[in-house]
Structure formats: structure tokens, C-alpha cells
N, C-alpha and C. Protein backbone atom coordinates (compact mmCIF):
# COMPACT_ATOMS: atom_id res chain seq x y z
N MET A 1 99.53 87.00 100.71
CA MET A 1 100.72 86.17 100.69
C MET A 1 100.39 84.76 101.16
N HIS A 2 99.14 84.37 100.94
CA HIS A 2 98.74 83.01 101.28
C HIS A 2 99.55 82.01 100.47
N GLU A 3 99.84 80.90 101.07
CA GLU A 3 100.58 79.82 100.43
C GLU A 3 101.99 80.23 100.01
N TRP A 4 102.53 81.24 100.64
CA TRP A 4 103.92 81.64 100.39
C TRP A 4 104.64 81.55 101.72
N ASP A 5 105.19 80.39 102.02
CA ASP A 5 105.89 80.15 103.28
C ASP A 5 107.38 80.35 103.06
N ARG A 6 107.85 81.51 103.46
CA ARG A 6 109.24 81.87 103.24
C ARG A 6 109.76 82.69 104.41
N VAL A 7 111.10 82.74 104.50
CA VAL A 7 111.77 83.62 105.44
C VAL A 7 112.58 84.62 104.61
N VAL A 8 112.35 85.91 104.87
CA VAL A 8 113.04 86.98 104.16
C VAL A 8 113.92 87.73 105.15
N GLN A 9 115.22 87.67 104.93
CA GLN A 9 116.21 88.32 105.80
C GLN A 9 116.51 89.71 105.24
N PHE A 10 116.60 90.69 106.13
CA PHE A 10 116.97 92.04 105.73
C PHE A 10 118.32 92.39 106.33
N SER A 11 119.19 92.91 105.47
CA SER A 11 120.48 93.42 105.91
C SER A 11 120.58 94.84 105.36
N LEU A 12 120.10 95.79 106.16
CA LEU A 12 120.02 97.18 105.73
C LEU A 12 121.12 97.99 106.39
N SER A 13 121.83 98.79 105.59
CA SER A 13 122.93 99.57 106.14
C SER A 13 122.41 100.51 107.23
N GLY A 14 123.13 100.54 108.33
CA GLY A 14 122.77 101.40 109.45
C GLY A 14 121.68 100.85 110.34
N GLU A 15 121.19 99.65 110.06
CA GLU A 15 120.12 99.04 110.86
C GLU A 15 120.56 97.67 111.36
N ASP A 16 119.98 97.25 112.47
CA ASP A 16 120.23 95.90 112.96
C ASP A 16 119.51 94.91 112.04
N PRO A 17 120.08 93.71 111.87
CA PRO A 17 119.41 92.73 110.99
C PRO A 17 118.09 92.25 111.57
N PHE A 18 117.16 91.94 110.68
CA PHE A 18 115.87 91.38 111.09
C PHE A 18 115.36 90.53 109.94
N TYR A 19 114.35 89.72 110.24
CA TYR A 19 113.76 88.90 109.19
C TYR A 19 112.27 88.77 109.39
N LEU A 20 111.59 88.53 108.26
CA LEU A 20 110.15 88.31 108.25
C LEU A 20 109.90 86.84 107.94
N THR A 21 109.01 86.23 108.69
CA THR A 21 108.61 84.85 108.45
C THR A 21 107.17 84.85 107.96
N PHE A 22 106.97 84.40 106.73
CA PHE A 22 105.65 84.29 106.14
C PHE A 22 105.22 82.83 106.24
N SER A 23 104.08 82.60 106.87
CA SER A 23 103.60 81.23 107.05
C SER A 23 102.08 81.22 107.15
N LYS A 24 101.46 80.47 106.27
CA LYS A 24 100.01 80.27 106.29
C LYS A 24 99.23 81.58 106.34
N GLY A 25 99.67 82.55 105.55
CA GLY A 25 98.94 83.81 105.45
C GLY A 25 99.24 84.82 106.54
N THR A 26 100.17 84.52 107.42
CA THR A 26 100.55 85.48 108.47
C THR A 26 102.03 85.82 108.32
N VAL A 27 102.41 86.92 108.92
CA VAL A 27 103.81 87.32 108.90
C VAL A 27 104.23 87.72 110.31
N THR A 28 105.43 87.30 110.67
CA THR A 28 106.00 87.71 111.95
C THR A 28 107.37 88.32 111.67
N ILE A 29 107.74 89.27 112.51
CA ILE A 29 109.03 89.93 112.38
C ILE A 29 109.89 89.51 113.56
N SER A 30 111.16 89.26 113.29
CA SER A 30 112.09 88.83 114.34
C SER A 30 113.40 89.59 114.19
N ASP A 31 113.99 89.93 115.32
CA ASP A 31 115.31 90.55 115.30
C ASP A 31 116.36 89.49 115.05
N GLY A 32 117.48 89.91 114.47
CA GLY A 32 118.61 89.01 114.30
C GLY A 32 118.71 88.44 112.91
N THR A 33 119.51 87.40 112.82
CA THR A 33 119.81 86.75 111.55
C THR A 33 119.28 85.33 111.57
N HIS A 34 118.48 84.99 110.58
CA HIS A 34 117.93 83.64 110.46
C HIS A 34 119.01 82.70 109.94
N GLU A 35 119.00 81.45 110.41
CA GLU A 35 120.00 80.47 110.00
C GLU A 35 119.98 80.18 108.50
N LYS A 36 118.78 80.09 107.93
CA LYS A 36 118.67 79.68 106.54
C LYS A 36 117.48 80.39 105.86
N PRO A 37 117.64 81.71 105.59
CA PRO A 37 116.53 82.42 104.95
C PRO A 37 116.36 81.97 103.49
N ASP A 38 115.14 82.10 102.99
CA ASP A 38 114.88 81.78 101.58
C ASP A 38 115.33 82.92 100.67
N LEU A 39 115.28 84.12 101.21
CA LEU A 39 115.62 85.31 100.44
C LEU A 39 116.31 86.29 101.37
N THR A 40 117.43 86.86 100.92
CA THR A 40 118.13 87.88 101.68
C THR A 40 118.18 89.14 100.84
N LEU A 41 117.76 90.25 101.43
CA LEU A 41 117.79 91.55 100.77
C LEU A 41 118.80 92.42 101.48
N GLU A 42 119.69 93.04 100.70
CA GLU A 42 120.77 93.82 101.28
C GLU A 42 120.88 95.15 100.56
N GLY A 43 121.00 96.23 101.33
CA GLY A 43 121.17 97.54 100.73
C GLY A 43 120.89 98.64 101.72
N PRO A 44 120.86 99.88 101.23
CA PRO A 44 120.60 101.03 102.09
C PRO A 44 119.15 101.04 102.59
N GLU A 45 118.99 101.47 103.82
CA GLU A 45 117.67 101.52 104.43
C GLU A 45 116.72 102.40 103.62
N ASP A 46 117.21 103.53 103.12
CA ASP A 46 116.33 104.45 102.39
C ASP A 46 115.81 103.85 101.09
N VAL A 47 116.59 102.98 100.47
CA VAL A 47 116.12 102.31 99.25
C VAL A 47 114.92 101.42 99.56
N PHE A 48 115.00 100.67 100.64
CA PHE A 48 113.88 99.78 100.99
C PHE A 48 112.66 100.57 101.44
N TYR A 49 112.89 101.68 102.10
CA TYR A 49 111.75 102.53 102.47
C TYR A 49 111.06 103.02 101.20
N ARG A 50 111.83 103.49 100.23
CA ARG A 50 111.25 104.00 98.99
C ARG A 50 110.60 102.88 98.19
N LEU A 51 111.11 101.67 98.29
CA LEU A 51 110.45 100.52 97.63
C LEU A 51 109.09 100.26 98.27
N MET A 52 109.05 100.27 99.60
CA MET A 52 107.81 99.98 100.30
C MET A 52 106.76 101.07 100.12
N THR A 53 107.21 102.32 99.96
CA THR A 53 106.26 103.42 99.78
C THR A 53 105.85 103.61 98.33
N GLY A 54 106.51 102.91 97.41
CA GLY A 54 106.17 103.03 96.00
C GLY A 54 106.91 104.15 95.29
N GLU A 55 107.79 104.85 95.99
CA GLU A 55 108.57 105.91 95.37
C GLU A 55 109.60 105.35 94.39
N LEU A 56 109.96 104.10 94.56
CA LEU A 56 111.00 103.47 93.76
C LEU A 56 110.49 102.13 93.25
N ASP A 57 110.64 101.90 91.98
CA ASP A 57 110.21 100.65 91.36
C ASP A 57 111.24 99.55 91.64
N LEU A 58 110.76 98.37 92.03
CA LEU A 58 111.63 97.25 92.39
C LEU A 58 112.58 96.88 91.25
N MET A 59 112.05 96.71 90.06
CA MET A 59 112.91 96.28 88.93
C MET A 59 113.91 97.36 88.57
N ARG A 60 113.50 98.61 88.61
CA ARG A 60 114.42 99.71 88.31
C ARG A 60 115.54 99.74 89.35
N ALA A 61 115.19 99.62 90.62
CA ALA A 61 116.20 99.64 91.69
C ALA A 61 117.17 98.48 91.53
N PHE A 62 116.66 97.32 91.16
CA PHE A 62 117.52 96.16 90.97
C PHE A 62 118.46 96.37 89.78
N MET A 63 117.91 96.86 88.68
CA MET A 63 118.73 97.07 87.48
C MET A 63 119.81 98.13 87.71
N LEU A 64 119.51 99.09 88.57
CA LEU A 64 120.49 100.14 88.90
C LEU A 64 121.41 99.72 90.05
N GLU A 65 121.27 98.46 90.48
CA GLU A 65 122.09 97.89 91.55
C GLU A 65 122.02 98.69 92.84
N GLN A 66 120.80 99.17 93.17
CA GLN A 66 120.61 99.91 94.41
C GLN A 66 120.42 98.97 95.60
N PHE A 67 120.18 97.70 95.31
CA PHE A 67 120.14 96.69 96.37
C PHE A 67 120.53 95.35 95.74
N LYS A 68 120.83 94.40 96.60
CA LYS A 68 121.19 93.05 96.16
C LYS A 68 120.23 92.06 96.83
N PHE A 69 120.07 90.93 96.18
CA PHE A 69 119.31 89.87 96.82
C PHE A 69 120.00 88.55 96.58
N ASP A 70 119.79 87.65 97.50
CA ASP A 70 120.30 86.29 97.38
C ASP A 70 119.10 85.38 97.60
N GLY A 71 118.79 84.60 96.59
CA GLY A 71 117.65 83.70 96.64
C GLY A 71 117.02 83.62 95.27
N ALA A 72 115.88 82.97 95.19
CA ALA A 72 115.19 82.77 93.91
C ALA A 72 114.60 84.09 93.41
N LEU A 73 114.75 84.34 92.12
CA LEU A 73 114.19 85.54 91.51
C LEU A 73 112.68 85.60 91.70
N ARG A 74 112.01 84.46 91.61
CA ARG A 74 110.55 84.46 91.78
C ARG A 74 110.15 84.88 93.19
N ASP A 75 110.98 84.54 94.20
CA ASP A 75 110.69 84.97 95.56
C ASP A 75 110.89 86.48 95.70
N ALA A 76 111.93 87.01 95.05
CA ALA A 76 112.17 88.45 95.10
C ALA A 76 111.01 89.19 94.43
N ALA A 77 110.53 88.67 93.32
CA ALA A 77 109.40 89.29 92.62
C ALA A 77 108.13 89.20 93.47
N ARG A 78 107.93 88.07 94.09
CA ARG A 78 106.75 87.88 94.94
C ARG A 78 106.79 88.82 96.14
N PHE A 79 108.00 89.04 96.64
CA PHE A 79 108.16 89.93 97.78
C PHE A 79 107.70 91.35 97.42
N ALA A 80 107.81 91.71 96.16
CA ALA A 80 107.36 93.04 95.71
C ALA A 80 105.88 93.25 96.01
N GLU A 81 105.12 92.17 96.04
CA GLU A 81 103.69 92.27 96.36
C GLU A 81 103.47 92.80 97.78
N ILE A 82 104.45 92.61 98.64
CA ILE A 82 104.34 93.10 100.01
C ILE A 82 104.25 94.62 100.00
N GLY A 83 105.06 95.24 99.16
CA GLY A 83 105.01 96.69 99.04
C GLY A 83 103.62 97.17 98.66
N ASP A 84 102.98 96.45 97.74
CA ASP A 84 101.62 96.80 97.35
C ASP A 84 100.66 96.69 98.54
N ALA A 85 100.81 95.62 99.31
CA ALA A 85 99.94 95.42 100.48
C ALA A 85 100.19 96.49 101.53
N VAL A 86 101.46 96.82 101.75
CA VAL A 86 101.80 97.85 102.74
C VAL A 86 101.21 99.19 102.32
N ARG A 87 101.40 99.56 101.07
CA ARG A 87 100.87 100.84 100.58
C ARG A 87 99.34 100.89 100.70
N GLY A 88 98.70 99.75 100.58
CA GLY A 88 97.25 99.72 100.68
C GLY A 88 96.71 99.81 102.09
N SER A 89 97.57 99.59 103.09
CA SER A 89 97.06 99.56 104.46
C SER A 89 97.75 100.52 105.41
N VAL A 90 98.83 101.16 105.00
CA VAL A 90 99.58 102.04 105.89
C VAL A 90 99.75 103.39 105.23
N LYS A 91 99.54 104.45 105.99
CA LYS A 91 99.78 105.80 105.47
C LYS A 91 101.18 106.20 105.90
N PHE A 92 102.04 106.45 104.90
CA PHE A 92 103.40 106.86 105.18
C PHE A 92 103.46 108.38 105.32
N PRO A 93 104.40 108.86 106.14
CA PRO A 93 104.55 110.32 106.25
C PRO A 93 105.01 110.91 104.92
N PRO A 94 104.64 112.17 104.65
CA PRO A 94 105.06 112.80 103.39
C PRO A 94 106.55 113.02 103.33
């Protein structure tokens, strides 16, 4: 995610809000609501878990209106790359 300096806000049902700040190839997570995120993702927590684990395709989930986003489409598509990176470095429980 080099050269992708963005703030991604998460509003997941049943969870407290949090956001990720991507800057110069690093990412930090913060609790709360950012004043001016570049991208906001909203929906059920289980949908985002399944997106991150690869069980659910981003475009399919979007077309089926399983989540909403506010921001540039290219940022939402770029964010999908995070799921690829997560799957490559983290072992999820079965």
C-alpha cells in the first residue's frame, strides 16, 4: 500500500467505530471516528470478516448491497488489496 495515503473509516454493526490510517507504507489503527476519512465502509461485521478472509468477493458483496461505502470507487477497489495482504500474512481460524 505504498504511496496510498488515505484514512479508511469503519462503521460495523455491533462494533465500536475505528479507522485505519495508511501513510508512507505503514498503517495505524485508531478507535473512534475520524473527522474527514477518505473512505467510509459500513455494514455487518461478519461481511467484513468474510471479505478479509476471502470467503466473500468484494464486488459480489457490493453488488448484493451487503455493505456500503462513501468515497472514491478507486479507493474502495484499492482497499480490496488489503484483504489480499491480510490473507497472505495472517492465519484465520477455520
